Amino acid sequence: MKLTEKEVRYVADLANLNLTETEIQNMVKDLGAILDHMDRLSGIDTAGVQPMRQVLFPAPETATLRADQPGACLSNEEALANAVHAAHGYFRVPLVIER
């Protein structure tokens, strides 16, 4: 799939990224290579391959995830304690979507 400079600029704008001309050209090349690789992968026949539920081995000694245990929640004051801006019990953040 050929990625265009216009598409890179569009996605960068959606992500609020200010890219230099050099970065845009690098993104066209690098993201284009990733999309080309994904196109090649989509052509692989996986009809006989069982889907995976997780990437961990089934043996408990190799699992790296802990069991889910309910715990105490943070109070509103604790959650907002290190917030740069807070008001009326909520985080205040700058407006990023103006469209």
PDB file of N, CA and C in Angstrom:
ATOM      1  N   MET A   1       0.846  -1.175   0.000  1.00  0.00           N
ATOM      2  CA  MET A   1       0.000   0.000   0.000  1.00  0.00           C
ATOM      3  C   MET A   1       0.893   1.240   0.000  1.00  0.00           C
ATOM      4  N   LYS A   2       0.640   2.130  -0.903  1.00  0.00           N
ATOM      5  CA  LYS A   2       1.431   3.353  -1.008  1.00  0.00           C
ATOM      6  C   LYS A   2       0.813   4.430  -0.121  1.00  0.00           C
ATOM      7  N   LEU A   3       1.584   4.891   0.841  1.00  0.00           N
ATOM      8  CA  LEU A   3       1.149   5.939   1.756  1.00  0.00           C
ATOM      9  C   LEU A   3       1.601   7.277   1.198  1.00  0.00           C
ATOM     10  N   THR A   4       0.698   8.253   1.205  1.00  0.00           N
ATOM     11  CA  THR A   4       1.043   9.556   0.650  1.00  0.00           C
ATOM     12  C   THR A   4       1.415  10.542   1.752  1.00  0.00           C
ATOM     13  N   GLU A   5       2.104  11.587   1.344  1.00  0.00           N
ATOM     14  CA  GLU A   5       2.467  12.651   2.280  1.00  0.00           C
ATOM     15  C   GLU A   5       1.208  13.317   2.825  1.00  0.00           C
ATOM     16  N   LYS A   6       0.208  13.459   1.986  1.00  0.00           N
ATOM     17  CA  LYS A   6      -1.057  14.073   2.410  1.00  0.00           C
ATOM     18  C   LYS A   6      -1.706  13.263   3.525  1.00  0.00           C
ATOM     19  N   GLU A   7      -1.674  11.927   3.419  1.00  0.00           N
ATOM     20  CA  GLU A   7      -2.249  11.063   4.450  1.00  0.00           C
ATOM     21  C   GLU A   7      -1.470  11.172   5.763  1.00  0.00           C
ATOM     22  N   VAL A   8      -0.152  11.237   5.679  1.00  0.00           N
ATOM     23  CA  VAL A   8       0.673  11.387   6.884  1.00  0.00           C
ATOM     24  C   VAL A   8       0.367  12.717   7.561  1.00  0.00           C
ATOM     25  N   ARG A   9       0.256  13.779   6.785  1.00  0.00           N
ATOM     26  CA  ARG A   9      -0.074  15.091   7.344  1.00  0.00           C
ATOM     27  C   ARG A   9      -1.455  15.069   8.007  1.00  0.00           C
ATOM     28  N   TYR A  10      -2.405  14.384   7.371  1.00  0.00           N
ATOM     29  CA  TYR A  10      -3.759  14.287   7.920  1.00  0.00           C
ATOM     30  C   TYR A  10      -3.751  13.562   9.268  1.00  0.00           C
ATOM     31  N   VAL A  11      -3.083  12.417   9.339  1.00  0.00           N
ATOM     32  CA  VAL A  11      -3.026  11.646  10.586  1.00  0.00           C
ATOM     33  C   VAL A  11      -2.259  12.420  11.656  1.00  0.00           C
ATOM     34  N   ALA A  12      -1.179  13.086  11.283  1.00  0.00           N
ATOM     35  CA  ALA A  12      -0.418  13.893  12.241  1.00  0.00           C
ATOM     36  C   ALA A  12      -1.288  15.015  12.792  1.00  0.00           C
ATOM     37  N   ASP A  13      -2.116  15.603  11.936  1.00  0.00           N
ATOM     38  CA  ASP A  13      -3.022  16.655  12.385  1.00  0.00           C
ATOM     39  C   ASP A  13      -4.048  16.101  13.362  1.00  0.00           C
ATOM     40  N   LEU A  14      -4.591  14.917  13.074  1.00  0.00           N
ATOM     41  CA  LEU A  14      -5.552  14.293  13.991  1.00  0.00           C
ATOM     42  C   LEU A  14      -4.926  14.021  15.353  1.00  0.00           C
ATOM     43  N   ALA A  15      -3.642  13.677  15.354  1.00  0.00           N
ATOM     44  CA  ALA A  15      -2.937  13.364  16.597  1.00  0.00           C
ATOM     45  C   ALA A  15      -2.302  14.603  17.230  1.00  0.00           C
ATOM     46  N   ASN A  16      -2.562  15.769  16.647  1.00  0.00           N
ATOM     47  CA  ASN A  16      -1.983  17.023  17.145  1.00  0.00           C
ATOM     48  C   ASN A  16      -0.460  16.966  17.202  1.00  0.00           C
ATOM     49  N   LEU A  17       0.141  16.381  16.167  1.00  0.00           N
ATOM     50  CA  LEU A  17       1.598  16.299  16.079  1.00  0.00           C
ATOM     51  C   LEU A  17       2.111  17.373  15.131  1.00  0.00           C
ATOM     52  N   ASN A  18       3.103  18.096  15.557  1.00  0.00           N
ATOM     53  CA  ASN A  18       3.763  19.081  14.700  1.00  0.00           C
ATOM     54  C   ASN A  18       5.038  18.447  14.177  1.00  0.00           C
ATOM     55  N   LEU A  19       4.968  17.912  12.959  1.00  0.00           N
ATOM     56  CA  LEU A  19       6.114  17.224  12.375  1.00  0.00           C
ATOM     57  C   LEU A  19       6.864  18.154  11.434  1.00  0.00           C
ATOM     58  N   THR A  20       8.175  18.027  11.439  1.00  0.00           N
ATOM     59  CA  THR A  20       8.996  18.773  10.486  1.00  0.00           C
ATOM     60  C   THR A  20       8.892  18.090   9.124  1.00  0.00           C
ATOM     61  N   GLU A  21       9.372  18.758   8.093  1.00  0.00           N
ATOM     62  CA  GLU A  21       9.360  18.171   6.749  1.00  0.00           C
ATOM     63  C   GLU A  21      10.157  16.867   6.712  1.00  0.00           C
ATOM     64  N   THR A  22      11.282  16.840   7.407  1.00  0.00           N
ATOM     65  CA  THR A  22      12.099  15.620   7.461  1.00  0.00           C
ATOM     66  C   THR A  22      11.339  14.499   8.153  1.00  0.00           C
ATOM     67  N   GLU A  23      10.663  14.819   9.250  1.00  0.00           N
ATOM     68  CA  GLU A  23       9.892  13.801   9.972  1.00  0.00           C
ATOM     69  C   GLU A  23       8.740  13.283   9.121  1.00  0.00           C
ATOM     70  N   ILE A  24       8.116  14.153   8.358  1.00  0.00           N
ATOM     71  CA  ILE A  24       7.023  13.727   7.480  1.00  0.00           C
ATOM     72  C   ILE A  24       7.540  12.757   6.432  1.00  0.00           C
ATOM     73  N   GLN A  25       8.671  13.092   5.811  1.00  0.00           N
ATOM     74  CA  GLN A  25       9.244  12.198   4.810  1.00  0.00           C
ATOM     75  C   GLN A  25       9.642  10.856   5.421  1.00  0.00           C
ATOM     76  N   ASN A  26      10.196  10.882   6.632  1.00  0.00           N
ATOM     77  CA  ASN A  26      10.552   9.632   7.318  1.00  0.00           C
ATOM     78  C   ASN A  26       9.309   8.815   7.634  1.00  0.00           C
ATOM     79  N   MET A  27       8.229   9.486   8.050  1.00  0.00           N
ATOM     80  CA  MET A  27       6.984   8.782   8.361  1.00  0.00           C
ATOM     81  C   MET A  27       6.378   8.148   7.114  1.00  0.00           C
ATOM     82  N   VAL A  28       6.433   8.867   5.987  1.00  0.00           N
ATOM     83  CA  VAL A  28       5.920   8.304   4.729  1.00  0.00           C
ATOM     84  C   VAL A  28       6.647   7.001   4.429  1.00  0.00           C
ATOM     85  N   LYS A  29       7.973   7.037   4.573  1.00  0.00           N
ATOM     86  CA  LYS A  29       8.780   5.846   4.274  1.00  0.00           C
ATOM     87  C   LYS A  29       8.544   4.745   5.308  1.00  0.00           C
ATOM     88  N   ASP A  30       8.649   5.080   6.600  1.00  0.00           N
ATOM     89  CA  ASP A  30       8.558   4.067   7.656  1.00  0.00           C
ATOM     90  C   ASP A  30       7.152   3.477   7.775  1.00  0.00           C
ATOM     91  N   LEU A  31       6.135   4.332   7.794  1.00  0.00           N
ATOM     92  CA  LEU A  31       4.765   3.821   7.897  1.00  0.00           C
ATOM     93  C   LEU A  31       4.372   3.061   6.636  1.00  0.00           C
ATOM     94  N   GLY A  32       4.865   3.520   5.490  1.00  0.00           N
ATOM     95  CA  GLY A  32       4.613   2.790   4.242  1.00  0.00           C
ATOM     96  C   GLY A  32       5.195   1.388   4.292  1.00  0.00           C
ATOM     97  N   ALA A  33       6.402   1.263   4.860  1.00  0.00           N
ATOM     98  CA  ALA A  33       7.035  -0.059   4.985  1.00  0.00           C
ATOM     99  C   ALA A  33       6.229  -0.955   5.929  1.00  0.00           C
ATOM    100  N   ILE A  34       5.704  -0.380   7.005  1.00  0.00           N
ATOM    101  CA  ILE A  34       4.878  -1.160   7.941  1.00  0.00           C
ATOM    102  C   ILE A  34       3.607  -1.642   7.246  1.00  0.00           C
ATOM    103  N   LEU A  35       2.956  -0.761   6.500  1.00  0.00           N
ATOM    104  CA  LEU A  35       1.731  -1.150   5.794  1.00  0.00           C
ATOM    105  C   LEU A  35       2.011  -2.189   4.719  1.00  0.00           C
ATOM    106  N   ASP A  36       3.141  -2.071   4.034  1.00  0.00           N
ATOM    107  CA  ASP A  36       3.528  -3.091   3.050  1.00  0.00           C
ATOM    108  C   ASP A  36       3.715  -4.440   3.723  1.00  0.00           C
ATOM    109  N   HIS A  37       4.355  -4.444   4.880  1.00  0.00           N
ATOM    110  CA  HIS A  37       4.561  -5.694   5.619  1.00  0.00           C
ATOM    111  C   HIS A  37       3.221  -6.287   6.045  1.00  0.00           C
ATOM    112  N   MET A  38       2.295  -5.452   6.496  1.00  0.00           N
ATOM    113  CA  MET A  38       0.974  -5.940   6.894  1.00  0.00           C
ATOM    114  C   MET A  38       0.229  -6.529   5.692  1.00  0.00           C
ATOM    115  N   ASP A  39       0.404  -5.923   4.511  1.00  0.00           N
ATOM    116  CA  ASP A  39      -0.209  -6.487   3.303  1.00  0.00           C
ATOM    117  C   ASP A  39       0.345  -7.872   3.010  1.00  0.00           C
ATOM    118  N   ARG A  40       1.669  -8.035   3.195  1.00  0.00           N
ATOM    119  CA  ARG A  40       2.263  -9.362   2.972  1.00  0.00           C
ATOM    120  C   ARG A  40       1.727 -10.370   3.994  1.00  0.00           C
ATOM    121  N   LEU A  41       1.591  -9.955   5.241  1.00  0.00           N
ATOM    122  CA  LEU A  41       1.067 -10.853   6.272  1.00  0.00           C
ATOM    123  C   LEU A  41      -0.382 -11.246   5.998  1.00  0.00           C
ATOM    124  N   SER A  42      -1.165 -10.315   5.459  1.00  0.00           N
ATOM    125  CA  SER A  42      -2.572 -10.634   5.199  1.00  0.00           C
ATOM    126  C   SER A  42      -2.725 -11.678   4.097  1.00  0.00           C
ATOM    127  N   GLY A  43      -1.679 -11.890   3.306  1.00  0.00           N
ATOM    128  CA  GLY A  43      -1.727 -12.890   2.252  1.00  0.00           C
ATOM    129  C   GLY A  43      -1.377 -14.295   2.710  1.00  0.00           C
ATOM    130  N   ILE A  44      -1.014 -14.471   3.957  1.00  0.00           N
ATOM    131  CA  ILE A  44      -0.632 -15.792   4.482  1.00  0.00           C
ATOM    132  C   ILE A  44      -1.889 -16.596   4.786  1.00  0.00           C
ATOM    133  N   ASP A  45      -1.897 -17.846   4.336  1.00  0.00           N
ATOM    134  CA  ASP A  45      -3.033 -18.732   4.591  1.00  0.00           C
ATOM    135  C   ASP A  45      -2.985 -19.220   6.039  1.00  0.00           C
ATOM    136  N   THR A  46      -3.955 -18.822   6.836  1.00  0.00           N
ATOM    137  CA  THR A  46      -4.019 -19.215   8.245  1.00  0.00           C
ATOM    138  C   THR A  46      -5.247 -20.072   8.524  1.00  0.00           C
ATOM    139  N   ALA A  47      -5.787 -20.705   7.487  1.00  0.00           N
ATOM    140  CA  ALA A  47      -7.018 -21.484   7.631  1.00  0.00           C
ATOM    141  C   ALA A  47      -6.883 -22.602   8.663  1.00  0.00           C
ATOM    142  N   GLY A  48      -5.737 -23.269   8.733  1.00  0.00           N
ATOM    143  CA  GLY A  48      -5.575 -24.387   9.651  1.00  0.00           C
ATOM    144  C   GLY A  48      -4.947 -24.009  10.987  1.00  0.00           C
ATOM    145  N   VAL A  49      -4.788 -22.752  11.254  1.00  0.00           N
ATOM    146  CA  VAL A  49      -4.126 -22.300  12.481  1.00  0.00           C
ATOM    147  C   VAL A  49      -5.181 -21.943  13.520  1.00  0.00           C
ATOM    148  N   GLN A  50      -5.056 -22.542  14.696  1.00  0.00           N
ATOM    149  CA  GLN A  50      -5.994 -22.241  15.777  1.00  0.00           C
ATOM    150  C   GLN A  50      -5.748 -20.835  16.300  1.00  0.00           C
ATOM    151  N   PRO A  51      -6.807 -20.077  16.554  1.00  0.00           N
ATOM    152  CA  PRO A  51      -6.602 -18.745  17.130  1.00  0.00           C
ATOM    153  C   PRO A  51      -6.063 -18.851  18.551  1.00  0.00           C
ATOM    154  N   MET A  52      -5.249 -17.874  18.932  1.00  0.00           N
ATOM    155  CA  MET A  52      -4.684 -17.858  20.277  1.00  0.00           C
ATOM    156  C   MET A  52      -5.564 -17.016  21.191  1.00  0.00           C
ATOM    157  N   ARG A  53      -5.704 -17.459  22.415  1.00  0.00           N
ATOM    158  CA  ARG A  53      -6.441 -16.671  23.392  1.00  0.00           C
ATOM    159  C   ARG A  53      -5.521 -15.714  24.124  1.00  0.00           C
ATOM    160  N   GLN A  54      -4.267 -16.113  24.309  1.00  0.00           N
ATOM    161  CA  GLN A  54      -3.263 -15.270  24.937  1.00  0.00           C
ATOM    162  C   GLN A  54      -1.892 -15.743  24.491  1.00  0.00           C
ATOM    163  N   VAL A  55      -0.905 -14.941  24.723  1.00  0.00           N
ATOM    164  CA  VAL A  55       0.437 -15.286  24.274  1.00  0.00           C
ATOM    165  C   VAL A  55       1.267 -15.953  25.355  1.00  0.00           C
ATOM    166  N   LEU A  56       0.723 -16.134  26.534  1.00  0.00           N
ATOM    167  CA  LEU A  56       1.448 -16.781  27.626  1.00  0.00           C
ATOM    168  C   LEU A  56       1.344 -18.299  27.510  1.00  0.00           C
ATOM    169  N   PHE A  57       2.326 -18.977  28.057  1.00  0.00           N
ATOM    170  CA  PHE A  57       2.275 -20.420  28.104  1.00  0.00           C
ATOM    171  C   PHE A  57       1.202 -20.843  29.101  1.00  0.00           C
ATOM    172  N   PRO A  58       0.598 -22.021  28.921  1.00  0.00           N
ATOM    173  CA  PRO A  58      -0.470 -22.440  29.823  1.00  0.00           C
ATOM    174  C   PRO A  58       0.008 -22.830  31.223  1.00  0.00           C
ATOM    175  N   ALA A  59       1.297 -23.123  31.385  1.00  0.00           N
ATOM    176  CA  ALA A  59       1.794 -23.553  32.695  1.00  0.00           C
ATOM    177  C   ALA A  59       1.794 -22.380  33.667  1.00  0.00           C
ATOM    178  N   PRO A  60       1.284 -22.559  34.882  1.00  0.00           N
ATOM    179  CA  PRO A  60       1.218 -21.464  35.850  1.00  0.00           C
ATOM    180  C   PRO A  60       2.572 -20.845  36.185  1.00  0.00           C
ATOM    181  N   GLU A  61       3.636 -21.655  36.191  1.00  0.00           N
ATOM    182  CA  GLU A  61       4.935 -21.104  36.580  1.00  0.00           C
ATOM    183  C   GLU A  61       5.505 -20.146  35.536  1.00  0.00           C
ATOM    184  N   THR A  62       4.958 -20.164  34.307  1.00  0.00           N
ATOM    185  CA  THR A  62       5.464 -19.248  33.285  1.00  0.00           C
ATOM    186  C   THR A  62       4.563 -18.030  33.117  1.00  0.00           C
ATOM    187  N   ALA A  63       3.395 -18.058  33.733  1.00  0.00           N
ATOM    188  CA  ALA A  63       2.481 -16.927  33.608  1.00  0.00           C
ATOM    189  C   ALA A  63       3.039 -15.725  34.362  1.00  0.00           C
ATOM    190  N   THR A  64       2.965 -14.564  33.749  1.00  0.00           N
ATOM    191  CA  THR A  64       3.506 -13.365  34.381  1.00  0.00           C
ATOM    192  C   THR A  64       2.407 -12.440  34.896  1.00  0.00           C
ATOM    193  N   LEU A  65       1.172 -12.847  34.758  1.00  0.00           N
ATOM    194  CA  LEU A  65       0.071 -12.008  35.225  1.00  0.00           C
ATOM    195  C   LEU A  65      -0.371 -12.443  36.614  1.00  0.00           C
ATOM    196  N   ARG A  66      -0.714 -11.498  37.421  1.00  0.00           N
ATOM    197  CA  ARG A  66      -1.218 -11.813  38.753  1.00  0.00           C
ATOM    198  C   ARG A  66      -2.731 -12.020  38.669  1.00  0.00           C
ATOM    199  N   ALA A  67      -3.279 -12.692  39.614  1.00  0.00           N
ATOM    200  CA  ALA A  67      -4.727 -12.890  39.668  1.00  0.00           C
ATOM    201  C   ALA A  67      -5.396 -11.565  40.002  1.00  0.00           C
ATOM    202  N   ASP A  68      -6.572 -11.342  39.436  1.00  0.00           N
ATOM    203  CA  ASP A  68      -7.323 -10.132  39.758  1.00  0.00           C
ATOM    204  C   ASP A  68      -7.837 -10.218  41.181  1.00  0.00           C
ATOM    205  N   GLN A  69      -7.531  -9.217  41.968  1.00  0.00           N
ATOM    206  CA  GLN A  69      -7.994  -9.140  43.346  1.00  0.00           C
ATOM    207  C   GLN A  69      -8.614  -7.764  43.556  1.00  0.00           C
ATOM    208  N   PRO A  70      -9.832  -7.717  44.037  1.00  0.00           N
ATOM    209  CA  PRO A  70     -10.414  -6.397  44.310  1.00  0.00           C
ATOM    210  C   PRO A  70      -9.639  -5.719  45.434  1.00  0.00           C
ATOM    211  N   GLY A  71      -9.501  -4.422  45.310  1.00  0.00           N
ATOM    212  CA  GLY A  71      -8.776  -3.668  46.323  1.00  0.00           C
ATOM    213  C   GLY A  71      -9.473  -2.357  46.603  1.00  0.00           C
ATOM    214  N   ALA A  72      -8.925  -1.638  47.525  1.00  0.00           N
ATOM    215  CA  ALA A  72      -9.505  -0.353  47.889  1.00  0.00           C
ATOM    216  C   ALA A  72      -9.321   0.637  46.752  1.00  0.00           C
ATOM    217  N   CYS A  73     -10.340   1.435  46.513  1.00  0.00           N
ATOM    218  CA  CYS A  73     -10.288   2.470  45.480  1.00  0.00           C
ATOM    219  C   CYS A  73      -9.716   3.756  46.080  1.00  0.00           C
ATOM    220  N   LEU A  74      -9.164   4.581  45.221  1.00  0.00           N
ATOM    221  CA  LEU A  74      -8.707   5.895  45.660  1.00  0.00           C
ATOM    222  C   LEU A  74      -9.922   6.783  45.925  1.00  0.00           C
ATOM    223  N   SER A  75      -9.795   7.616  46.927  1.00  0.00           N
ATOM    224  CA  SER A  75     -10.836   8.614  47.138  1.00  0.00           C
ATOM    225  C   SER A  75     -10.684   9.688  46.068  1.00  0.00           C
ATOM    226  N   ASN A  76     -11.696  10.495  45.900  1.00  0.00           N
ATOM    227  CA  ASN A  76     -11.633  11.572  44.921  1.00  0.00           C
ATOM    228  C   ASN A  76     -10.480  12.510  45.236  1.00  0.00           C
ATOM    229  N   GLU A  77     -10.278  12.817  46.505  1.00  0.00           N
ATOM    230  CA  GLU A  77      -9.197  13.710  46.907  1.00  0.00           C
ATOM    231  C   GLU A  77      -7.826  13.099  46.592  1.00  0.00           C
ATOM    232  N   GLU A  78      -7.677  11.796  46.843  1.00  0.00           N
ATOM    233  CA  GLU A  78      -6.407  11.126  46.553  1.00  0.00           C
ATOM    234  C   GLU A  78      -6.133  11.110  45.052  1.00  0.00           C
ATOM    235  N   ALA A  79      -7.163  10.850  44.260  1.00  0.00           N
ATOM    236  CA  ALA A  79      -6.988  10.800  42.816  1.00  0.00           C
ATOM    237  C   ALA A  79      -6.580  12.156  42.259  1.00  0.00           C
ATOM    238  N   LEU A  80      -7.110  13.219  42.825  1.00  0.00           N
ATOM    239  CA  LEU A  80      -6.832  14.562  42.325  1.00  0.00           C
ATOM    240  C   LEU A  80      -5.631  15.233  43.003  1.00  0.00           C
ATOM    241  N   ALA A  81      -5.012  14.567  43.951  1.00  0.00           N
ATOM    242  CA  ALA A  81      -3.951  15.178  44.756  1.00  0.00           C
ATOM    243  C   ALA A  81      -2.796  15.727  43.919  1.00  0.00           C
ATOM    244  N   ASN A  82      -2.401  15.048  42.862  1.00  0.00           N
ATOM    245  CA  ASN A  82      -1.272  15.500  42.043  1.00  0.00           C
ATOM    246  C   ASN A  82      -1.703  16.084  40.710  1.00  0.00           C
ATOM    247  N   ALA A  83      -2.983  16.366  40.552  1.00  0.00           N
ATOM    248  CA  ALA A  83      -3.473  16.933  39.299  1.00  0.00           C
ATOM    249  C   ALA A  83      -2.926  18.343  39.122  1.00  0.00           C
ATOM    250  N   VAL A  84      -2.539  18.663  37.913  1.00  0.00           N
ATOM    251  CA  VAL A  84      -2.065  20.015  37.621  1.00  0.00           C
ATOM    252  C   VAL A  84      -3.203  21.010  37.817  1.00  0.00           C
ATOM    253  N   HIS A  85      -4.385  20.645  37.295  1.00  0.00           N
ATOM    254  CA  HIS A  85      -5.570  21.495  37.441  1.00  0.00           C
ATOM    255  C   HIS A  85      -6.752  20.606  37.813  1.00  0.00           C
ATOM    256  N   ALA A  86      -7.474  20.994  38.838  1.00  0.00           N
ATOM    257  CA  ALA A  86      -8.681  20.269  39.237  1.00  0.00           C
ATOM    258  C   ALA A  86      -9.723  21.295  39.640  1.00  0.00           C
ATOM    259  N   ALA A  87     -10.987  20.940  39.418  1.00  0.00           N
ATOM    260  CA  ALA A  87     -12.067  21.833  39.834  1.00  0.00           C
ATOM    261  C   ALA A  87     -13.329  21.016  40.022  1.00  0.00           C
ATOM    262  N   HIS A  88     -14.048  21.282  41.086  1.00  0.00           N
ATOM    263  CA  HIS A  88     -15.339  20.654  41.363  1.00  0.00           C
ATOM    264  C   HIS A  88     -15.251  19.126  41.380  1.00  0.00           C
ATOM    265  N   GLY A  89     -14.115  18.602  41.831  1.00  0.00           N
ATOM    266  CA  GLY A  89     -13.965  17.154  41.947  1.00  0.00           C
ATOM    267  C   GLY A  89     -13.563  16.445  40.669  1.00  0.00           C
ATOM    268  N   TYR A  90     -13.134  17.181  39.643  1.00  0.00           N
ATOM    269  CA  TYR A  90     -12.759  16.588  38.355  1.00  0.00           C
ATOM    270  C   TYR A  90     -11.395  17.104  37.921  1.00  0.00           C
ATOM    271  N   PHE A  91     -10.729  16.321  37.040  1.00  0.00           N
ATOM    272  CA  PHE A  91      -9.513  16.786  36.398  1.00  0.00           C
ATOM    273  C   PHE A  91      -9.897  17.835  35.364  1.00  0.00           C
ATOM    274  N   ARG A  92      -9.128  18.910  35.293  1.00  0.00           N
ATOM    275  CA  ARG A  92      -9.322  19.903  34.247  1.00  0.00           C
ATOM    276  C   ARG A  92      -8.183  19.737  33.262  1.00  0.00           C
ATOM    277  N   VAL A  93      -8.531  19.623  31.991  1.00  0.00           N
ATOM    278  CA  VAL A  93      -7.543  19.457  30.939  1.00  0.00           C
ATOM    279  C   VAL A  93      -7.804  20.489  29.850  1.00  0.00           C
ATOM    280  N   PRO A  94      -6.760  20.863  29.090  1.00  0.00           N
ATOM    281  CA  PRO A  94      -6.983  21.838  28.029  1.00  0.00           C
ATOM    282  C   PRO A  94      -7.807  21.228  26.893  1.00  0.00           C
ATOM    283  N   LEU A  95      -8.561  22.077  26.231  1.00  0.00           N
ATOM    284  CA  LEU A  95      -9.350  21.661  25.081  1.00  0.00           C
ATOM    285  C   LEU A  95      -8.403  21.252  23.956  1.00  0.00           C
ATOM    286  N   VAL A  96      -8.588  20.060  23.424  1.00  0.00           N
ATOM    287  CA  VAL A  96      -7.715  19.610  22.336  1.00  0.00           C
ATOM    288  C   VAL A  96      -8.485  19.379  21.046  1.00  0.00           C
ATOM    289  N   ILE A  97      -9.783  19.265  21.125  1.00  0.00           N
ATOM    290  CA  ILE A  97     -10.587  19.049  19.923  1.00  0.00           C
ATOM    291  C   ILE A  97     -11.393  20.304  19.660  1.00  0.00           C
ATOM    292  N   GLU A  98     -11.111  20.947  18.554  1.00  0.00           N
ATOM    293  CA  GLU A  98     -11.821  22.170  18.213  1.00  0.00           C
ATOM    294  C   GLU A  98     -12.617  22.006  16.934  1.00  0.00           C
ATOM    295  N   ARG A  99     -12.795  20.780  16.481  1.00  0.00           N
ATOM    296  CA  ARG A  99     -13.522  20.540  15.226  1.00  0.00           C
ATOM    297  C   ARG A  99     -14.923  20.128  15.512  1.00  0.00           C
TER     298      ARG A  99
END
